[in-house]
Amino acid sequence: MTRIPINHSAHEEFSKIFDPEQYHATWIPQEINTLVATGSNDHIIPLSLFNQNSLYHRKNILIKEISGAGHFPWFEKSKETIDVFQEYYRKLINGNTS
């Protein structure tokens, strides 16, 4: 992890001004197959932004929680992240993302 280029200072500054309670998505994929995968402990883009917004509950959108991960689940829970992508891929090739 020490060699991964992550700007922790930018993350801290952004966290001070971002309020997930006031954030509203401005684009919801209507037809494009979409995977929303985030960590259960992600406080930058919390899962609640998608789970609590009924506009994201569409046939073309798959929402997946990666348990125990934060904002970088591919670093923190790489196997679980791979599993999510494999599940999404299987759904895509079968024509069903829901």
PDB file of N, CA and C in Angstrom:
ATOM      1  N   MET A   1       0.808  -1.197   0.000  1.00  0.00           N
ATOM      2  CA  MET A   1       0.000   0.000   0.000  1.00  0.00           C
ATOM      3  C   MET A   1       0.856   1.267   0.000  1.00  0.00           C
ATOM      4  N   THR A   2       2.053   1.202   0.543  1.00  0.00           N
ATOM      5  CA  THR A   2       2.863   2.423   0.641  1.00  0.00           C
ATOM      6  C   THR A   2       3.303   2.947  -0.716  1.00  0.00           C
ATOM      7  N   ARG A   3       3.303   2.094  -1.746  1.00  0.00           N
ATOM      8  CA  ARG A   3       3.721   2.537  -3.079  1.00  0.00           C
ATOM      9  C   ARG A   3       2.547   2.994  -3.945  1.00  0.00           C
ATOM     10  N   ILE A   4       1.337   2.862  -3.449  1.00  0.00           N
ATOM     11  CA  ILE A   4       0.158   3.244  -4.223  1.00  0.00           C
ATOM     12  C   ILE A   4      -0.018   4.763  -4.147  1.00  0.00           C
ATOM     13  N   PRO A   5      -0.171   5.414  -5.315  1.00  0.00           N
ATOM     14  CA  PRO A   5      -0.297   6.877  -5.318  1.00  0.00           C
ATOM     15  C   PRO A   5      -1.700   7.338  -4.944  1.00  0.00           C
ATOM     16  N   ILE A   6      -1.936   7.496  -3.648  1.00  0.00           N
ATOM     17  CA  ILE A   6      -3.211   7.993  -3.149  1.00  0.00           C
ATOM     18  C   ILE A   6      -2.928   9.283  -2.396  1.00  0.00           C
ATOM     19  N   ASN A   7      -3.615  10.333  -2.751  1.00  0.00           N
ATOM     20  CA  ASN A   7      -3.416  11.626  -2.115  1.00  0.00           C
ATOM     21  C   ASN A   7      -4.325  11.709  -0.891  1.00  0.00           C
ATOM     22  N   HIS A   8      -3.773  11.348   0.245  1.00  0.00           N
ATOM     23  CA  HIS A   8      -4.556  11.328   1.475  1.00  0.00           C
ATOM     24  C   HIS A   8      -4.966  12.734   1.902  1.00  0.00           C
ATOM     25  N   SER A   9      -4.142  13.734   1.647  1.00  0.00           N
ATOM     26  CA  SER A   9      -4.481  15.117   2.007  1.00  0.00           C
ATOM     27  C   SER A   9      -5.721  15.587   1.252  1.00  0.00           C
ATOM     28  N   ALA A  10      -5.791  15.275  -0.040  1.00  0.00           N
ATOM     29  CA  ALA A  10      -6.963  15.653  -0.830  1.00  0.00           C
ATOM     30  C   ALA A  10      -8.216  14.964  -0.282  1.00  0.00           C
ATOM     31  N   HIS A  11      -8.066  13.713   0.101  1.00  0.00           N
ATOM     32  CA  HIS A  11      -9.178  12.969   0.684  1.00  0.00           C
ATOM     33  C   HIS A  11      -9.671  13.653   1.958  1.00  0.00           C
ATOM     34  N   GLU A  12      -8.773  14.059   2.818  1.00  0.00           N
ATOM     35  CA  GLU A  12      -9.155  14.723   4.070  1.00  0.00           C
ATOM     36  C   GLU A  12      -9.867  16.047   3.811  1.00  0.00           C
ATOM     37  N   GLU A  13      -9.364  16.833   2.874  1.00  0.00           N
ATOM     38  CA  GLU A  13      -9.983  18.117   2.546  1.00  0.00           C
ATOM     39  C   GLU A  13     -11.368  17.915   1.943  1.00  0.00           C
ATOM     40  N   PHE A  14     -11.491  16.960   1.037  1.00  0.00           N
ATOM     41  CA  PHE A  14     -12.775  16.686   0.417  1.00  0.00           C
ATOM     42  C   PHE A  14     -13.787  16.225   1.465  1.00  0.00           C
ATOM     43  N   SER A  15     -13.341  15.422   2.409  1.00  0.00           N
ATOM     44  CA  SER A  15     -14.235  14.910   3.447  1.00  0.00           C
ATOM     45  C   SER A  15     -14.806  16.038   4.306  1.00  0.00           C
ATOM     46  N   LYS A  16     -14.069  17.139   4.426  1.00  0.00           N
ATOM     47  CA  LYS A  16     -14.546  18.272   5.223  1.00  0.00           C
ATOM     48  C   LYS A  16     -15.706  19.001   4.546  1.00  0.00           C
ATOM     49  N   ILE A  17     -15.728  19.006   3.221  1.00  0.00           N
ATOM     50  CA  ILE A  17     -16.746  19.790   2.515  1.00  0.00           C
ATOM     51  C   ILE A  17     -17.870  18.944   1.922  1.00  0.00           C
ATOM     52  N   PHE A  18     -17.651  17.649   1.786  1.00  0.00           N
ATOM     53  CA  PHE A  18     -18.673  16.800   1.179  1.00  0.00           C
ATOM     54  C   PHE A  18     -19.665  16.346   2.231  1.00  0.00           C
ATOM     55  N   ASP A  19     -20.916  16.566   1.963  1.00  0.00           N
ATOM     56  CA  ASP A  19     -21.978  16.160   2.867  1.00  0.00           C
ATOM     57  C   ASP A  19     -22.898  15.190   2.129  1.00  0.00           C
ATOM     58  N   PRO A  20     -22.786  13.892   2.395  1.00  0.00           N
ATOM     59  CA  PRO A  20     -23.611  12.927   1.669  1.00  0.00           C
ATOM     60  C   PRO A  20     -25.111  13.135   1.875  1.00  0.00           C
ATOM     61  N   GLU A  21     -25.503  13.815   2.947  1.00  0.00           N
ATOM     62  CA  GLU A  21     -26.921  14.074   3.180  1.00  0.00           C
ATOM     63  C   GLU A  21     -27.465  15.100   2.193  1.00  0.00           C
ATOM     64  N   GLN A  22     -26.592  15.968   1.671  1.00  0.00           N
ATOM     65  CA  GLN A  22     -27.036  17.013   0.760  1.00  0.00           C
ATOM     66  C   GLN A  22     -26.690  16.711  -0.694  1.00  0.00           C
ATOM     67  N   TYR A  23     -25.943  15.653  -0.936  1.00  0.00           N
ATOM     68  CA  TYR A  23     -25.546  15.317  -2.300  1.00  0.00           C
ATOM     69  C   TYR A  23     -26.716  14.699  -3.054  1.00  0.00           C
ATOM     70  N   HIS A  24     -26.909  15.107  -4.298  1.00  0.00           N
ATOM     71  CA  HIS A  24     -27.939  14.533  -5.148  1.00  0.00           C
ATOM     72  C   HIS A  24     -27.317  14.180  -6.494  1.00  0.00           C
ATOM     73  N   ALA A  25     -27.469  12.954  -6.891  1.00  0.00           N
ATOM     74  CA  ALA A  25     -26.934  12.510  -8.179  1.00  0.00           C
ATOM     75  C   ALA A  25     -27.624  13.276  -9.299  1.00  0.00           C
ATOM     76  N   THR A  26     -26.849  13.633 -10.304  1.00  0.00           N
ATOM     77  CA  THR A  26     -27.422  14.369 -11.430  1.00  0.00           C
ATOM     78  C   THR A  26     -27.531  13.495 -12.670  1.00  0.00           C
ATOM     79  N   TRP A  27     -26.978  12.303 -12.632  1.00  0.00           N
ATOM     80  CA  TRP A  27     -27.061  11.406 -13.775  1.00  0.00           C
ATOM     81  C   TRP A  27     -27.332   9.997 -13.283  1.00  0.00           C
ATOM     82  N   ILE A  28     -28.411   9.437 -13.776  1.00  0.00           N
ATOM     83  CA  ILE A  28     -28.766   8.061 -13.462  1.00  0.00           C
ATOM     84  C   ILE A  28     -28.775   7.298 -14.789  1.00  0.00           C
ATOM     85  N   PRO A  29     -27.955   6.266 -14.935  1.00  0.00           N
ATOM     86  CA  PRO A  29     -27.945   5.509 -16.196  1.00  0.00           C
ATOM     87  C   PRO A  29     -29.322   4.924 -16.500  1.00  0.00           C
ATOM     88  N   GLN A  30     -29.854   5.282 -17.647  1.00  0.00           N
ATOM     89  CA  GLN A  30     -31.187   4.812 -18.036  1.00  0.00           C
ATOM     90  C   GLN A  30     -31.137   3.481 -18.786  1.00  0.00           C
ATOM     91  N   GLU A  31     -30.119   3.307 -19.623  1.00  0.00           N
ATOM     92  CA  GLU A  31     -30.044   2.093 -20.433  1.00  0.00           C
ATOM     93  C   GLU A  31     -28.695   1.396 -20.347  1.00  0.00           C
ATOM     94  N   ILE A  32     -27.660   2.131 -20.046  1.00  0.00           N
ATOM     95  CA  ILE A  32     -26.308   1.562 -19.987  1.00  0.00           C
ATOM     96  C   ILE A  32     -26.207   0.624 -18.794  1.00  0.00           C
ATOM     97  N   ASN A  33     -25.761  -0.607 -19.024  1.00  0.00           N
ATOM     98  CA  ASN A  33     -25.529  -1.524 -17.919  1.00  0.00           C
ATOM     99  C   ASN A  33     -24.461  -0.933 -17.014  1.00  0.00           C
ATOM    100  N   THR A  34     -24.773  -0.884 -15.719  1.00  0.00           N
ATOM    101  CA  THR A  34     -23.925  -0.172 -14.767  1.00  0.00           C
ATOM    102  C   THR A  34     -23.725  -1.010 -13.515  1.00  0.00           C
ATOM    103  N   LEU A  35     -22.483  -1.025 -13.053  1.00  0.00           N
ATOM    104  CA  LEU A  35     -22.151  -1.657 -11.783  1.00  0.00           C
ATOM    105  C   LEU A  35     -21.756  -0.569 -10.796  1.00  0.00           C
ATOM    106  N   VAL A  36     -22.436  -0.532  -9.667  1.00  0.00           N
ATOM    107  CA  VAL A  36     -22.063   0.345  -8.564  1.00  0.00           C
ATOM    108  C   VAL A  36     -21.523  -0.579  -7.486  1.00  0.00           C
ATOM    109  N   ALA A  37     -20.218  -0.516  -7.273  1.00  0.00           N
ATOM    110  CA  ALA A  37     -19.578  -1.372  -6.267  1.00  0.00           C
ATOM    111  C   ALA A  37     -18.778  -0.478  -5.345  1.00  0.00           C
ATOM    112  N   THR A  38     -19.091  -0.541  -4.076  1.00  0.00           N
ATOM    113  CA  THR A  38     -18.390   0.292  -3.106  1.00  0.00           C
ATOM    114  C   THR A  38     -18.282  -0.446  -1.780  1.00  0.00           C
ATOM    115  N   GLY A  39     -17.353  -0.007  -0.985  1.00  0.00           N
ATOM    116  CA  GLY A  39     -17.140  -0.645   0.303  1.00  0.00           C
ATOM    117  C   GLY A  39     -18.191  -0.262   1.326  1.00  0.00           C
ATOM    118  N   SER A  40     -18.470  -1.151   2.227  1.00  0.00           N
ATOM    119  CA  SER A  40     -19.459  -0.879   3.277  1.00  0.00           C
ATOM    120  C   SER A  40     -19.020   0.263   4.181  1.00  0.00           C
ATOM    121  N   ASN A  41     -17.714   0.542   4.231  1.00  0.00           N
ATOM    122  CA  ASN A  41     -17.191   1.606   5.079  1.00  0.00           C
ATOM    123  C   ASN A  41     -16.737   2.827   4.275  1.00  0.00           C
ATOM    124  N   ASP A  42     -17.225   2.958   3.057  1.00  0.00           N
ATOM    125  CA  ASP A  42     -16.841   4.083   2.206  1.00  0.00           C
ATOM    126  C   ASP A  42     -17.626   5.315   2.643  1.00  0.00           C
ATOM    127  N   HIS A  43     -16.942   6.283   3.239  1.00  0.00           N
ATOM    128  CA  HIS A  43     -17.643   7.497   3.654  1.00  0.00           C
ATOM    129  C   HIS A  43     -17.494   8.622   2.632  1.00  0.00           C
ATOM    130  N   ILE A  44     -16.764   8.388   1.546  1.00  0.00           N
ATOM    131  CA  ILE A  44     -16.654   9.382   0.485  1.00  0.00           C
ATOM    132  C   ILE A  44     -17.843   9.251  -0.466  1.00  0.00           C
ATOM    133  N   ILE A  45     -18.097   8.017  -0.908  1.00  0.00           N
ATOM    134  CA  ILE A  45     -19.263   7.726  -1.746  1.00  0.00           C
ATOM    135  C   ILE A  45     -19.990   6.561  -1.083  1.00  0.00           C
ATOM    136  N   PRO A  46     -20.754   6.850  -0.042  1.00  0.00           N
ATOM    137  CA  PRO A  46     -21.383   5.773   0.713  1.00  0.00           C
ATOM    138  C   PRO A  46     -22.447   5.041  -0.097  1.00  0.00           C
ATOM    139  N   LEU A  47     -22.595   3.794   0.203  1.00  0.00           N
ATOM    140  CA  LEU A  47     -23.570   2.936  -0.463  1.00  0.00           C
ATOM    141  C   LEU A  47     -24.986   3.489  -0.317  1.00  0.00           C
ATOM    142  N   SER A  48     -25.245   4.187   0.757  1.00  0.00           N
ATOM    143  CA  SER A  48     -26.585   4.738   0.995  1.00  0.00           C
ATOM    144  C   SER A  48     -27.013   5.712  -0.104  1.00  0.00           C
ATOM    145  N   LEU A  49     -26.057   6.369  -0.770  1.00  0.00           N
ATOM    146  CA  LEU A  49     -26.405   7.268  -1.873  1.00  0.00           C
ATOM    147  C   LEU A  49     -27.154   6.530  -2.971  1.00  0.00           C
ATOM    148  N   PHE A  50     -26.852   5.266  -3.139  1.00  0.00           N
ATOM    149  CA  PHE A  50     -27.476   4.460  -4.188  1.00  0.00           C
ATOM    150  C   PHE A  50     -28.641   3.638  -3.647  1.00  0.00           C
ATOM    151  N   ASN A  51     -28.476   3.070  -2.471  1.00  0.00           N
ATOM    152  CA  ASN A  51     -29.529   2.227  -1.906  1.00  0.00           C
ATOM    153  C   ASN A  51     -30.770   3.022  -1.530  1.00  0.00           C
ATOM    154  N   GLN A  52     -30.591   4.258  -1.090  1.00  0.00           N
ATOM    155  CA  GLN A  52     -31.725   5.056  -0.634  1.00  0.00           C
ATOM    156  C   GLN A  52     -32.349   5.901  -1.744  1.00  0.00           C
ATOM    157  N   ASN A  53     -31.799   5.820  -2.941  1.00  0.00           N
ATOM    158  CA  ASN A  53     -32.327   6.577  -4.065  1.00  0.00           C
ATOM    159  C   ASN A  53     -32.998   5.596  -5.033  1.00  0.00           C
ATOM    160  N   SER A  54     -34.314   5.616  -5.067  1.00  0.00           N
ATOM    161  CA  SER A  54     -35.050   4.651  -5.882  1.00  0.00           C
ATOM    162  C   SER A  54     -34.736   4.776  -7.374  1.00  0.00           C
ATOM    163  N   LEU A  55     -34.196   5.907  -7.808  1.00  0.00           N
ATOM    164  CA  LEU A  55     -33.847   6.075  -9.220  1.00  0.00           C
ATOM    165  C   LEU A  55     -32.735   5.116  -9.645  1.00  0.00           C
ATOM    166  N   TYR A  56     -31.953   4.640  -8.672  1.00  0.00           N
ATOM    167  CA  TYR A  56     -30.887   3.679  -8.980  1.00  0.00           C
ATOM    168  C   TYR A  56     -31.383   2.235  -8.983  1.00  0.00           C
ATOM    169  N   HIS A  57     -32.603   2.025  -8.585  1.00  0.00           N
ATOM    170  CA  HIS A  57     -33.147   0.668  -8.538  1.00  0.00           C
ATOM    171  C   HIS A  57     -33.784   0.369  -9.889  1.00  0.00           C
ATOM    172  N   ARG A  58     -32.916   0.060 -10.836  1.00  0.00           N
ATOM    173  CA  ARG A  58     -33.306  -0.174 -12.215  1.00  0.00           C
ATOM    174  C   ARG A  58     -32.738  -1.514 -12.670  1.00  0.00           C
ATOM    175  N   LYS A  59     -33.334  -2.075 -13.684  1.00  0.00           N
ATOM    176  CA  LYS A  59     -32.894  -3.368 -14.213  1.00  0.00           C
ATOM    177  C   LYS A  59     -31.451  -3.311 -14.724  1.00  0.00           C
ATOM    178  N   ASN A  60     -31.021  -2.159 -15.221  1.00  0.00           N
ATOM    179  CA  ASN A  60     -29.685  -2.031 -15.807  1.00  0.00           C
ATOM    180  C   ASN A  60     -28.596  -1.684 -14.789  1.00  0.00           C
ATOM    181  N   ILE A  61     -28.960  -1.529 -13.527  1.00  0.00           N
ATOM    182  CA  ILE A  61     -27.980  -1.134 -12.504  1.00  0.00           C
ATOM    183  C   ILE A  61     -27.882  -2.223 -11.446  1.00  0.00           C
ATOM    184  N   LEU A  62     -26.670  -2.676 -11.213  1.00  0.00           N
ATOM    185  CA  LEU A  62     -26.397  -3.644 -10.146  1.00  0.00           C
ATOM    186  C   LEU A  62     -25.614  -2.931  -9.056  1.00  0.00           C
ATOM    187  N   ILE A  63     -26.146  -2.927  -7.850  1.00  0.00           N
ATOM    188  CA  ILE A  63     -25.496  -2.285  -6.705  1.00  0.00           C
ATOM    189  C   ILE A  63     -24.947  -3.379  -5.802  1.00  0.00           C
ATOM    190  N   LYS A  64     -23.640  -3.320  -5.547  1.00  0.00           N
ATOM    191  CA  LYS A  64     -22.994  -4.346  -4.720  1.00  0.00           C
ATOM    192  C   LYS A  64     -22.178  -3.699  -3.609  1.00  0.00           C
ATOM    193  N   GLU A  65     -22.308  -4.238  -2.434  1.00  0.00           N
ATOM    194  CA  GLU A  65     -21.538  -3.792  -1.270  1.00  0.00           C
ATOM    195  C   GLU A  65     -20.374  -4.757  -1.055  1.00  0.00           C
ATOM    196  N   ILE A  66     -19.200  -4.198  -0.842  1.00  0.00           N
ATOM    197  CA  ILE A  66     -18.029  -5.010  -0.527  1.00  0.00           C
ATOM    198  C   ILE A  66     -17.780  -4.839   0.969  1.00  0.00           C
ATOM    199  N   SER A  67     -18.155  -5.836   1.704  1.00  0.00           N
ATOM    200  CA  SER A  67     -18.146  -5.788   3.163  1.00  0.00           C
ATOM    201  C   SER A  67     -16.745  -5.564   3.727  1.00  0.00           C
ATOM    202  N   GLY A  68     -16.657  -4.624   4.644  1.00  0.00           N
ATOM    203  CA  GLY A  68     -15.401  -4.360   5.343  1.00  0.00           C
ATOM    204  C   GLY A  68     -14.431  -3.477   4.594  1.00  0.00           C
ATOM    205  N   ALA A  69     -14.797  -3.036   3.396  1.00  0.00           N
ATOM    206  CA  ALA A  69     -13.904  -2.190   2.607  1.00  0.00           C
ATOM    207  C   ALA A  69     -14.345  -0.733   2.720  1.00  0.00           C
ATOM    208  N   GLY A  70     -13.414   0.157   2.398  1.00  0.00           N
ATOM    209  CA  GLY A  70     -13.708   1.577   2.370  1.00  0.00           C
ATOM    210  C   GLY A  70     -13.814   2.062   0.943  1.00  0.00           C
ATOM    211  N   HIS A  71     -13.176   3.201   0.662  1.00  0.00           N
ATOM    212  CA  HIS A  71     -13.272   3.841  -0.649  1.00  0.00           C
ATOM    213  C   HIS A  71     -12.431   3.145  -1.725  1.00  0.00           C
ATOM    214  N   PHE A  72     -11.488   2.332  -1.330  1.00  0.00           N
ATOM    215  CA  PHE A  72     -10.608   1.632  -2.275  1.00  0.00           C
ATOM    216  C   PHE A  72     -10.728   0.122  -2.097  1.00  0.00           C
ATOM    217  N   PRO A  73     -11.899  -0.453  -2.385  1.00  0.00           N
ATOM    218  CA  PRO A  73     -12.097  -1.879  -2.109  1.00  0.00           C
ATOM    219  C   PRO A  73     -11.167  -2.787  -2.899  1.00  0.00           C
ATOM    220  N   TRP A  74     -10.713  -2.330  -4.070  1.00  0.00           N
ATOM    221  CA  TRP A  74      -9.816  -3.174  -4.873  1.00  0.00           C
ATOM    222  C   TRP A  74      -8.462  -3.334  -4.200  1.00  0.00           C
ATOM    223  N   PHE A  75      -8.094  -2.421  -3.296  1.00  0.00           N
ATOM    224  CA  PHE A  75      -6.865  -2.572  -2.510  1.00  0.00           C
ATOM    225  C   PHE A  75      -7.139  -3.299  -1.200  1.00  0.00           C
ATOM    226  N   GLU A  76      -8.256  -2.950  -0.571  1.00  0.00           N
ATOM    227  CA  GLU A  76      -8.561  -3.453   0.765  1.00  0.00           C
ATOM    228  C   GLU A  76      -9.141  -4.863   0.763  1.00  0.00           C
ATOM    229  N   LYS A  77      -9.950  -5.163  -0.238  1.00  0.00           N
ATOM    230  CA  LYS A  77     -10.615  -6.470  -0.331  1.00  0.00           C
ATOM    231  C   LYS A  77     -10.577  -6.921  -1.786  1.00  0.00           C
ATOM    232  N   SER A  78      -9.387  -7.195  -2.273  1.00  0.00           N
ATOM    233  CA  SER A  78      -9.223  -7.463  -3.705  1.00  0.00           C
ATOM    234  C   SER A  78      -9.994  -8.708  -4.156  1.00  0.00           C
ATOM    235  N   LYS A  79      -9.971  -9.775  -3.385  1.00  0.00           N
ATOM    236  CA  LYS A  79     -10.695 -10.985  -3.804  1.00  0.00           C
ATOM    237  C   LYS A  79     -12.186 -10.721  -3.882  1.00  0.00           C
ATOM    238  N   GLU A  80     -12.735 -10.040  -2.888  1.00  0.00           N
ATOM    239  CA  GLU A  80     -14.157  -9.735  -2.880  1.00  0.00           C
ATOM    240  C   GLU A  80     -14.526  -8.833  -4.059  1.00  0.00           C
ATOM    241  N   THR A  81     -13.642  -7.893  -4.394  1.00  0.00           N
ATOM    242  CA  THR A  81     -13.882  -7.002  -5.531  1.00  0.00           C
ATOM    243  C   THR A  81     -13.880  -7.787  -6.833  1.00  0.00           C
ATOM    244  N   ILE A  82     -12.937  -8.699  -6.975  1.00  0.00           N
ATOM    245  CA  ILE A  82     -12.895  -9.560  -8.165  1.00  0.00           C
ATOM    246  C   ILE A  82     -14.180 -10.381  -8.255  1.00  0.00           C
ATOM    247  N   ASP A  83     -14.642 -10.904  -7.127  1.00  0.00           N
ATOM    248  CA  ASP A  83     -15.879 -11.688  -7.111  1.00  0.00           C
ATOM    249  C   ASP A  83     -17.065 -10.854  -7.608  1.00  0.00           C
ATOM    250  N   VAL A  84     -17.132  -9.593  -7.199  1.00  0.00           N
ATOM    251  CA  VAL A  84     -18.216  -8.698  -7.628  1.00  0.00           C
ATOM    252  C   VAL A  84     -18.151  -8.488  -9.135  1.00  0.00           C
ATOM    253  N   PHE A  85     -16.947  -8.244  -9.663  1.00  0.00           N
ATOM    254  CA  PHE A  85     -16.808  -8.040 -11.104  1.00  0.00           C
ATOM    255  C   PHE A  85     -17.146  -9.311 -11.882  1.00  0.00           C
ATOM    256  N   GLN A  86     -16.774 -10.450 -11.344  1.00  0.00           N
ATOM    257  CA  GLN A  86     -17.106 -11.706 -12.018  1.00  0.00           C
ATOM    258  C   GLN A  86     -18.612 -11.947 -12.022  1.00  0.00           C
ATOM    259  N   GLU A  87     -19.281 -11.643 -10.919  1.00  0.00           N
ATOM    260  CA  GLU A  87     -20.735 -11.770 -10.864  1.00  0.00           C
ATOM    261  C   GLU A  87     -21.386 -10.842 -11.890  1.00  0.00           C
ATOM    262  N   TYR A  88     -20.904  -9.604 -11.952  1.00  0.00           N
ATOM    263  CA  TYR A  88     -21.439  -8.632 -12.914  1.00  0.00           C
ATOM    264  C   TYR A  88     -21.214  -9.114 -14.349  1.00  0.00           C
ATOM    265  N   TYR A  89     -20.038  -9.623 -14.619  1.00  0.00           N
ATOM    266  CA  TYR A  89     -19.732 -10.137 -15.957  1.00  0.00           C
ATOM    267  C   TYR A  89     -20.692 -11.268 -16.336  1.00  0.00           C
ATOM    268  N   ARG A  90     -20.913 -12.192 -15.410  1.00  0.00           N
ATOM    269  CA  ARG A  90     -21.830 -13.308 -15.682  1.00  0.00           C
ATOM    270  C   ARG A  90     -23.234 -12.789 -15.981  1.00  0.00           C
ATOM    271  N   LYS A  91     -23.667 -11.791 -15.247  1.00  0.00           N
ATOM    272  CA  LYS A  91     -24.989 -11.220 -15.493  1.00  0.00           C
ATOM    273  C   LYS A  91     -25.037 -10.518 -16.842  1.00  0.00           C
ATOM    274  N   LEU A  92     -23.954  -9.847 -17.210  1.00  0.00           N
ATOM    275  CA  LEU A  92     -23.912  -9.160 -18.511  1.00  0.00           C
ATOM    276  C   LEU A  92     -24.021 -10.144 -19.671  1.00  0.00           C
ATOM    277  N   ILE A  93     -23.250 -11.225 -19.593  1.00  0.00           N
ATOM    278  CA  ILE A  93     -23.275 -12.160 -20.717  1.00  0.00           C
ATOM    279  C   ILE A  93     -24.592 -12.925 -20.787  1.00  0.00           C
ATOM    280  N   ASN A  94     -25.321 -12.965 -19.679  1.00  0.00           N
ATOM    281  CA  ASN A  94     -26.634 -13.600 -19.680  1.00  0.00           C
ATOM    282  C   ASN A  94     -27.758 -12.587 -19.951  1.00  0.00           C
ATOM    283  N   GLY A  95     -27.375 -11.321 -20.164  1.00  0.00           N
ATOM    284  CA  GLY A  95     -28.354 -10.289 -20.497  1.00  0.00           C
ATOM    285  C   GLY A  95     -29.197  -9.799 -19.337  1.00  0.00           C
ATOM    286  N   ASN A  96     -28.660  -9.906 -18.113  1.00  0.00           N
ATOM    287  CA  ASN A  96     -29.436  -9.505 -16.948  1.00  0.00           C
ATOM    288  C   ASN A  96     -28.501  -8.944 -15.890  1.00  0.00           C
ATOM    289  N   THR A  97     -28.598  -7.643 -15.606  1.00  0.00           N
ATOM    290  CA  THR A  97     -27.757  -7.056 -14.565  1.00  0.00           C
ATOM    291  C   THR A  97     -28.489  -6.906 -13.242  1.00  0.00           C
ATOM    292  N   SER A  98     -29.769  -7.146 -13.215  1.00  0.00           N
ATOM    293  CA  SER A  98     -30.497  -6.968 -11.955  1.00  0.00           C
ATOM    294  C   SER A  98     -30.404  -8.201 -11.075  1.00  0.00           C
TER     295      SER A  98
END
